[in-house]
Amino acid sequence: MSNLRPFVEDAFVSRFCEKPALVIRAPGRVNLIGEHTDYNDGFVLPLAIERAVWIALRPRRDGRVTLHTLDLEGEKPADFTLDDLVNQRAGWVEYVRGVTWALAEAGYSLQGWEGVMSSDVPIGAGLSSSAALELAVARAFAAVSGFAWDPPRMALLGQKAENHWVGVNCGVMDQMISAAGRADHALLIDCRDLSTTPVPLPEGTAIVVLDTATRRGLVDSAYNKRRAQCEAAAAYFGVSHLRDVTLDTFAAGGGGLDEVTRRRARHVISENERVLAAAAAMRANDPAALGRLMDESHRSMRDDFEISSPALNAIVEAARSQPGCYGARMTGGGFAGCAVAIIQAADAEALAGTVSDIYRRETGREPKIYITRATDGAAVV
């Protein structure tokens, strides 16, 4: 398991000349299936991964928050007071300030703190580096301020920070799995009521994250446009969210939508059904069925939602061609980043090497491939 704890502890001692009072860990995530369904009030099936944001900290009594990043050389720290929260469009700092703002807006009495952070969740790869940072900051505030840790509520406040402070119109999946992940399980999340059901991974399988080494910025991507198209489709069907449209209803009445909006809606509606079927396959210990559903999901995202890319398609096809691979799909917001595959655990190392060779030969890029297990959500460690 990835463990940056000694690194952040040593860095804290070097900077503050004492041991940290607390160490926080909040994981990134990979989504097995259920893409762009979260903001449509639908279903998702992510798991928290071993890569995470780590913060070593101590409380402050003067209402100041100072957080130094160890990952960006020469970068200024997040440094502000609790009574003077102003959005300065200062990159990663705004995730820290935005969560502080969201907690204060929700009525929490906050105490200041200072510390150092490091993360091995790749930025822009579709593994939710921003949500991991948001939940690590929220967990730090809960620890130093003495309020109870409520994963769904903290997830919603992390989402609020990203939507209204940072400016990314994301759903709540990423924050929920970082807050509430469970070791050795994926988490079936109903994004309407935020209820969660742990679902065990099939026996003898491994999850492989396939990083294409391509990156995108959600704020500048077509993410918000896709969301607007989904909202237009829901309005056409007379419902608040596409969660409430069945495939039968879509088949009977979707012809009145323009072609692009119709395909966007078809992805979301069919994806919700695939998520529920995937959870059932996992409970039945049927990785082959899960893999087929993941393959169908990728085709839907590639053709109907149009959020894949040549690099993502290449690495997915490379994984699918290997013995022991049950299925693979792109994961995350789309356009770049990572794919995910479910494979026989005994074949994991061989698959990683062969897929790297194929992808490198076809694209000229150097991929990064992580064999991971499901971990717990944000915690004081």
Protein backbone atom coordinates (compact mmCIF):
# COMPACT_ATOMS: atom_id res chain seq x y z
CA MET A 1 0.00 0.00 0.00
CA SER A 2 1.17 3.50 -0.79
CA ASN A 3 2.36 5.13 2.43
CA LEU A 4 3.59 8.70 2.47
CA ARG A 5 3.24 8.94 6.23
CA PRO A 6 6.98 8.80 7.04
CA PHE A 7 7.66 11.39 4.34
CA VAL A 8 5.13 13.94 5.61
CA GLU A 9 6.07 13.30 9.25
CA ASP A 10 9.75 13.88 8.56
CA ALA A 11 8.98 17.00 6.55
CA PHE A 12 6.80 18.31 9.37
CA VAL A 13 9.58 17.79 11.91
CA SER A 14 12.06 19.55 9.62
CA ARG A 15 9.76 22.56 9.24
CA PHE A 16 8.24 22.85 12.73
CA CYS A 17 10.88 21.17 14.94
CA GLU A 18 8.41 18.82 16.59
CA LYS A 19 6.36 15.77 15.68
CA PRO A 20 2.92 16.37 14.12
CA ALA A 21 -0.10 16.10 16.38
CA LEU A 22 -2.11 14.35 13.66
CA VAL A 23 -1.64 12.61 10.32
CA ILE A 24 -4.55 12.47 7.87
CA ARG A 25 -4.99 10.23 4.84
CA ALA A 26 -7.68 10.63 2.15
CA PRO A 27 -7.62 8.36 -0.91
CA GLY A 28 -8.13 8.91 -4.59
CA ARG A 29 -10.51 6.63 -6.38
CA VAL A 30 -11.07 4.60 -9.49
CA ASN A 31 -14.59 4.08 -10.75
CA LEU A 32 -15.29 0.52 -11.87
CA ILE A 33 -18.44 1.57 -13.72
CA GLY A 34 -20.96 4.41 -13.72
CA GLU A 35 -19.54 7.45 -15.51
CA HIS A 36 -21.39 10.79 -15.63
CA THR A 37 -24.30 9.19 -13.81
CA ASP A 38 -23.63 10.88 -10.46
CA TYR A 39 -24.91 14.34 -11.36
CA ASN A 40 -27.87 12.65 -13.01
CA ASP A 41 -28.95 11.29 -9.59
CA GLY A 42 -27.93 7.81 -10.70
CA PHE A 43 -25.71 4.97 -9.52
CA VAL A 44 -21.93 4.61 -9.42
CA LEU A 45 -19.58 1.84 -8.32
CA PRO A 46 -16.17 3.26 -7.35
CA LEU A 47 -13.50 2.06 -4.96
CA ALA A 48 -10.97 4.01 -2.93
CA ILE A 49 -7.43 3.25 -4.11
CA GLU A 50 -4.12 2.98 -2.31
CA ARG A 51 -2.87 6.32 -3.67
CA ALA A 52 -3.84 9.19 -1.39
CA VAL A 53 -3.30 12.69 -0.05
CA TRP A 54 -1.44 12.75 3.27
CA ILE A 55 -1.32 15.71 5.69
CA ALA A 56 0.79 15.98 8.84
CA LEU A 57 -0.42 18.85 11.03
CA ARG A 58 -0.81 20.51 14.39
CA PRO A 59 -3.57 22.82 15.66
CA ARG A 60 -3.20 26.60 15.80
CA ARG A 61 -5.04 28.87 18.22
CA ASP A 62 -4.96 32.05 16.14
CA GLY A 63 -7.52 31.18 13.46
CA ARG A 64 -4.93 30.71 10.73
CA VAL A 65 -4.58 27.82 8.27
CA THR A 66 -1.20 27.18 6.67
CA LEU A 67 -0.55 24.16 4.48
CA HIS A 68 2.71 23.57 2.62
CA THR A 69 2.80 21.22 -0.36
CA LEU A 70 5.85 18.98 -0.68
CA ASP A 71 5.06 18.11 -4.30
CA LEU A 72 5.51 21.46 -6.06
CA GLU A 73 8.96 22.92 -5.53
CA GLY A 74 8.89 26.62 -4.78
CA GLU A 75 5.08 26.72 -4.56
CA LYS A 76 3.64 29.14 -2.03
CA PRO A 77 1.61 27.49 0.77
CA ALA A 78 -2.08 27.81 1.37
CA ASP A 79 -2.04 30.53 4.00
CA PHE A 80 -5.14 32.39 5.17
CA THR A 81 -7.24 33.26 8.20
CA LEU A 82 -10.63 31.74 8.94
CA ASP A 83 -12.30 35.15 8.98
CA ASP A 84 -10.88 36.33 5.64
CA LEU A 85 -11.75 33.80 2.94
CA VAL A 86 -11.28 35.34 -0.50
CA ASN A 87 -11.05 33.35 -3.72
CA GLN A 88 -7.76 34.37 -5.32
CA ARG A 89 -7.84 31.81 -8.17
CA ALA A 90 -4.62 30.44 -6.74
CA GLY A 91 -4.67 26.88 -8.12
CA TRP A 92 -4.53 24.04 -5.60
CA VAL A 93 -4.79 26.51 -2.71
CA GLU A 94 -8.42 27.19 -3.62
CA TYR A 95 -9.37 23.59 -2.84
CA VAL A 96 -8.13 24.14 0.69
CA ARG A 97 -9.75 27.55 1.01
CA GLY A 98 -12.96 26.34 -0.67
CA VAL A 99 -13.44 23.48 1.79
CA THR A 100 -12.83 25.89 4.65
CA TRP A 101 -15.49 28.21 3.21
CA ALA A 102 -17.98 25.35 2.71
CA LEU A 103 -17.52 24.12 6.29
CA ALA A 104 -17.94 27.64 7.68
CA GLU A 105 -21.04 28.22 5.54
CA ALA A 106 -22.50 24.99 6.95
CA GLY A 107 -22.14 26.36 10.49
CA TYR A 108 -19.12 24.43 11.72
CA SER A 109 -16.97 26.15 14.34
CA LEU A 110 -13.47 25.86 12.92
CA GLN A 111 -10.04 25.96 14.48
CA GLY A 112 -6.87 26.81 12.60
CA TRP A 113 -4.04 24.41 11.87
CA GLU A 114 -0.73 24.19 10.04
CA GLY A 115 1.01 21.36 8.34
CA VAL A 116 2.56 19.78 5.27
CA MET A 117 0.98 17.63 2.59
CA SER A 118 2.01 15.23 -0.13
CA SER A 119 0.04 13.17 -2.61
CA ASP A 120 0.73 10.29 -4.96
CA VAL A 121 -2.66 10.59 -6.69
CA PRO A 122 -1.72 11.74 -10.20
CA ILE A 123 -3.23 15.12 -11.08
CA GLY A 124 -5.64 15.22 -14.01
CA ALA A 125 -5.63 11.45 -14.50
CA GLY A 126 -9.27 10.84 -13.59
CA LEU A 127 -8.38 9.40 -10.17
CA SER A 128 -9.89 12.28 -8.17
CA SER A 129 -6.83 14.04 -6.84
CA SER A 130 -8.98 17.10 -6.09
CA ALA A 131 -11.57 15.16 -4.09
CA ALA A 132 -8.80 13.47 -2.10
CA LEU A 133 -7.40 16.90 -1.20
CA GLU A 134 -10.86 18.22 -0.29
CA LEU A 135 -11.61 15.31 2.02
CA ALA A 136 -8.15 15.40 3.59
CA VAL A 137 -8.70 19.07 4.44
CA ALA A 138 -12.20 18.37 5.79
CA ARG A 139 -10.85 15.47 7.89
CA ALA A 140 -8.13 17.74 9.26
CA PHE A 141 -10.70 20.35 10.29
CA ALA A 142 -12.89 17.70 11.95
CA ALA A 143 -9.90 16.44 13.93
CA VAL A 144 -8.65 19.80 15.18
CA SER A 145 -12.06 21.44 15.61
CA GLY A 146 -13.72 18.53 17.40
CA PHE A 147 -16.80 17.95 15.28
CA ALA A 148 -18.04 14.49 14.31
CA TRP A 149 -16.91 12.98 11.03
CA ASP A 150 -20.01 12.46 8.85
CA PRO A 151 -18.85 11.04 5.49
CA PRO A 152 -21.93 11.92 3.35
CA ARG A 153 -22.14 15.43 4.78
CA MET A 154 -18.42 16.02 4.33
CA ALA A 155 -18.65 14.70 0.77
CA LEU A 156 -21.43 17.15 -0.04
CA LEU A 157 -19.42 20.03 1.39
CA GLY A 158 -16.38 18.97 -0.64
CA GLN A 159 -18.60 18.95 -3.72
CA LYS A 160 -19.93 22.39 -2.79
CA ALA A 161 -16.38 23.71 -2.59
CA GLU A 162 -15.56 22.31 -6.02
CA ASN A 163 -18.80 23.51 -7.62
CA HIS A 164 -19.08 26.99 -6.14
CA TRP A 165 -15.53 27.93 -5.14
CA VAL A 166 -13.26 26.18 -7.64
CA GLY A 167 -15.83 26.29 -10.44
CA VAL A 168 -16.06 22.66 -11.57
CA ASN A 169 -19.65 21.44 -11.88
CA CYS A 170 -18.85 17.90 -10.66
CA GLY A 171 -21.17 15.35 -9.09
CA VAL A 172 -20.66 13.90 -5.64
CA MET A 173 -19.19 10.48 -6.44
CA ASP A 174 -15.53 11.39 -6.05
CA GLN A 175 -16.00 13.02 -2.67
CA MET A 176 -18.27 10.20 -1.42
CA ILE A 177 -15.82 7.41 -2.14
CA SER A 178 -12.87 9.36 -0.70
CA ALA A 179 -14.92 9.99 2.44
CA ALA A 180 -16.55 6.58 2.85
CA GLY A 181 -14.45 3.98 1.03
CA ARG A 182 -14.21 0.48 2.46
CA ALA A 183 -11.24 -1.87 2.23
CA ASP A 184 -11.57 -4.76 -0.24
CA HIS A 185 -14.93 -3.48 -1.51
CA ALA A 186 -16.31 -1.21 -4.14
CA LEU A 187 -19.09 1.07 -2.96
CA LEU A 188 -22.43 1.11 -4.74
CA ILE A 189 -23.56 4.71 -4.26
CA ASP A 190 -27.07 5.94 -4.94
CA CYS A 191 -26.32 9.55 -5.79
CA ARG A 192 -29.89 10.60 -5.08
CA ASP A 193 -29.89 9.87 -1.36
CA LEU A 194 -26.16 9.10 -0.90
CA SER A 195 -26.93 5.67 0.51
CA THR A 196 -24.02 3.27 0.10
CA THR A 197 -23.74 -0.49 -0.16
CA PRO A 198 -20.33 -2.20 0.04
CA VAL A 199 -19.89 -4.74 -2.77
CA PRO A 200 -17.05 -7.29 -2.53
CA LEU A 201 -14.60 -7.61 -5.38
CA PRO A 202 -14.76 -11.03 -7.11
CA GLU A 203 -12.42 -13.61 -5.66
CA GLY A 204 -9.07 -14.03 -7.35
CA THR A 205 -9.24 -10.73 -9.22
CA ALA A 206 -7.15 -7.58 -9.23
CA ILE A 207 -7.95 -4.03 -10.24
CA VAL A 208 -5.46 -2.44 -12.61
CA VAL A 209 -5.35 1.31 -13.25
CA LEU A 210 -3.98 2.15 -16.68
CA ASP A 211 -2.65 5.70 -16.86
CA THR A 212 -2.29 6.89 -20.46
CA ALA A 213 0.03 9.77 -19.44
CA THR A 214 -2.40 12.19 -21.10
CA ARG A 215 -4.00 14.95 -19.06
CA ARG A 216 -6.97 17.28 -19.17
CA GLY A 217 -8.34 20.10 -17.05
CA LEU A 218 -11.99 19.66 -16.13
CA VAL A 219 -12.65 23.38 -15.91
CA ASP A 220 -11.55 23.80 -19.53
CA SER A 221 -13.05 20.57 -20.85
CA ALA A 222 -16.45 19.71 -22.26
CA TYR A 223 -17.60 18.35 -18.89
CA ASN A 224 -19.99 21.20 -18.17
CA LYS A 225 -21.39 20.95 -21.70
CA ARG A 226 -22.16 17.26 -21.20
CA ARG A 227 -23.94 18.08 -17.97
CA ALA A 228 -26.06 20.73 -19.67
CA GLN A 229 -27.02 18.22 -22.37
CA CYS A 230 -28.14 15.74 -19.72
CA GLU A 231 -30.24 18.42 -18.04
CA ALA A 232 -31.85 19.27 -21.37
CA ALA A 233 -32.70 15.61 -21.95
CA ALA A 234 -34.22 15.29 -18.47
CA ALA A 235 -36.37 18.37 -19.10
CA TYR A 236 -37.53 16.85 -22.40
CA PHE A 237 -38.76 13.75 -20.55
CA GLY A 238 -40.38 15.88 -17.84
CA VAL A 239 -38.19 14.62 -14.98
CA SER A 240 -35.65 16.32 -12.74
CA HIS A 241 -32.84 13.88 -13.61
CA LEU A 242 -32.18 11.16 -16.16
CA ARG A 243 -32.14 8.66 -13.28
CA ASP A 244 -35.95 8.63 -13.66
CA VAL A 245 -35.97 7.61 -17.33
CA THR A 246 -35.95 3.89 -18.14
CA LEU A 247 -34.58 2.39 -21.33
CA ASP A 248 -38.13 1.51 -22.37
CA THR A 249 -39.27 5.11 -21.88
CA PHE A 250 -36.23 6.33 -23.78
CA ALA A 251 -36.86 3.93 -26.67
CA ALA A 252 -40.50 4.97 -26.88
CA GLY A 253 -40.05 8.73 -26.60
CA GLY A 254 -36.44 9.68 -27.27
CA GLY A 255 -36.91 10.25 -30.97
CA GLY A 256 -37.84 13.88 -30.42
CA LEU A 257 -34.41 14.76 -29.07
CA ASP A 258 -31.72 16.08 -31.36
CA GLU A 259 -29.19 13.40 -32.28
CA VAL A 260 -26.39 14.53 -29.97
CA THR A 261 -28.59 15.00 -26.89
CA ARG A 262 -30.28 11.66 -27.60
CA ARG A 263 -26.94 9.85 -27.55
CA ARG A 264 -25.87 11.63 -24.37
CA ALA A 265 -29.10 10.54 -22.66
CA ARG A 266 -28.79 6.96 -23.95
CA HIS A 267 -25.38 6.64 -22.33
CA VAL A 268 -26.56 7.81 -18.93
CA ILE A 269 -29.76 5.76 -18.91
CA SER A 270 -28.03 2.56 -20.05
CA GLU A 271 -25.07 3.19 -17.74
CA ASN A 272 -27.32 3.27 -14.69
CA GLU A 273 -28.63 -0.17 -15.61
CA ARG A 274 -25.09 -1.44 -16.15
CA VAL A 275 -24.01 -0.26 -12.69
CA LEU A 276 -26.79 -2.20 -10.97
CA ALA A 277 -26.04 -5.26 -13.09
CA ALA A 278 -22.33 -4.96 -12.27
CA ALA A 279 -23.01 -4.88 -8.53
CA ALA A 280 -25.15 -8.00 -8.92
CA ALA A 281 -22.36 -9.72 -10.86
CA MET A 282 -19.88 -8.91 -8.11
CA ARG A 283 -22.17 -10.27 -5.42
CA ALA A 284 -22.48 -13.44 -7.50
CA ASN A 285 -18.67 -13.63 -7.75
CA ASP A 286 -18.92 -13.44 -11.56
CA PRO A 287 -15.98 -11.41 -12.88
CA ALA A 288 -16.71 -12.38 -16.48
CA ALA A 289 -20.13 -10.71 -16.32
CA LEU A 290 -18.60 -7.67 -14.65
CA GLY A 291 -15.99 -7.46 -17.39
CA ARG A 292 -18.59 -7.58 -20.16
CA LEU A 293 -20.46 -4.72 -18.54
CA MET A 294 -17.26 -2.69 -18.30
CA ASP A 295 -16.62 -3.30 -22.00
CA GLU A 296 -20.14 -2.13 -22.84
CA SER A 297 -19.62 0.95 -20.68
CA HIS A 298 -16.49 1.91 -22.58
CA ARG A 299 -18.25 1.60 -25.94
CA SER A 300 -21.06 3.79 -24.64
CA MET A 301 -18.67 6.47 -23.42
CA ARG A 302 -16.70 6.32 -26.65
CA ASP A 303 -19.63 6.41 -29.06
CA ASP A 304 -22.63 7.97 -27.26
CA PHE A 305 -21.10 10.29 -24.67
CA GLU A 306 -17.96 10.94 -26.75
CA ILE A 307 -15.57 11.39 -23.86
CA SER A 308 -12.92 8.82 -24.72
CA SER A 309 -9.75 9.55 -26.70
CA PRO A 310 -7.37 7.69 -29.01
CA ALA A 311 -4.99 7.13 -26.09
CA LEU A 312 -7.72 5.77 -23.84
CA ASN A 313 -9.07 3.53 -26.60
CA ALA A 314 -5.58 2.22 -27.29
CA ILE A 315 -4.82 1.27 -23.70
CA VAL A 316 -8.27 -0.29 -23.22
CA GLU A 317 -7.85 -2.44 -26.33
CA ALA A 318 -4.33 -3.43 -25.26
CA ALA A 319 -5.66 -4.61 -21.90
CA ARG A 320 -8.59 -6.46 -23.44
CA SER A 321 -6.25 -8.40 -25.72
CA GLN A 322 -4.40 -9.98 -22.80
CA PRO A 323 -5.09 -13.35 -21.18
CA GLY A 324 -6.80 -13.02 -17.84
CA CYS A 325 -8.45 -9.66 -18.59
CA TYR A 326 -12.19 -9.81 -18.00
CA GLY A 327 -12.94 -6.26 -19.16
CA ALA A 328 -11.64 -2.71 -19.33
CA ARG A 329 -12.96 0.82 -19.74
CA MET A 330 -11.92 4.43 -19.49
CA THR A 331 -12.64 5.94 -16.10
CA GLY A 332 -13.09 9.46 -14.78
CA GLY A 333 -14.39 12.62 -16.41
CA GLY A 334 -13.02 11.67 -19.80
CA PHE A 335 -10.94 13.03 -22.70
CA ALA A 336 -7.65 11.87 -21.13
CA GLY A 337 -6.28 10.19 -18.02
CA CYS A 338 -6.86 6.61 -16.96
CA ALA A 339 -8.63 3.40 -17.79
CA VAL A 340 -9.42 0.55 -15.40
CA ALA A 341 -9.38 -3.20 -15.95
CA ILE A 342 -10.47 -6.20 -13.91
CA ILE A 343 -8.18 -9.17 -14.36
CA GLN A 344 -7.20 -12.48 -12.86
CA ALA A 345 -4.85 -11.58 -10.01
CA ALA A 346 -2.30 -14.18 -11.10
CA ASP A 347 -1.94 -12.40 -14.46
CA ALA A 348 -1.58 -8.86 -13.09
CA GLU A 349 2.17 -8.38 -13.35
CA ALA A 350 2.42 -9.96 -16.80
CA LEU A 351 -0.50 -7.90 -18.09
CA ALA A 352 1.01 -4.68 -16.78
CA GLY A 353 4.26 -5.29 -18.63
CA THR A 354 2.69 -6.37 -21.91
CA VAL A 355 0.11 -3.58 -21.99
CA SER A 356 2.87 -1.05 -21.34
CA ASP A 357 4.84 -2.40 -24.30
CA ILE A 358 1.83 -2.36 -26.64
CA TYR A 359 0.71 1.11 -25.64
CA ARG A 360 4.22 2.55 -25.87
CA ARG A 361 4.66 1.08 -29.33
CA GLU A 362 1.30 2.33 -30.60
CA THR A 363 1.32 5.84 -29.10
CA GLY A 364 4.91 6.75 -28.28
CA ARG A 365 3.84 7.58 -24.71
CA GLU A 366 5.09 6.02 -21.49
CA PRO A 367 2.12 4.72 -19.47
CA LYS A 368 1.98 4.17 -15.76
CA ILE A 369 0.18 1.06 -14.58
CA TYR A 370 -0.91 0.52 -10.98
CA ILE A 371 -2.16 -2.72 -9.52
CA THR A 372 -4.30 -1.63 -6.62
CA ARG A 373 -6.65 -2.84 -3.95
CA ALA A 374 -9.65 -1.12 -2.39
CA THR A 375 -8.91 0.86 0.77
CA ASP A 376 -10.78 2.70 3.50
CA GLY A 377 -11.84 6.33 3.15
CA ALA A 378 -10.51 9.49 4.79
CA ALA A 379 -9.20 8.93 8.30
CA VAL A 380 -6.83 10.01 11.03
CA VAL A 381 -4.07 7.41 10.82
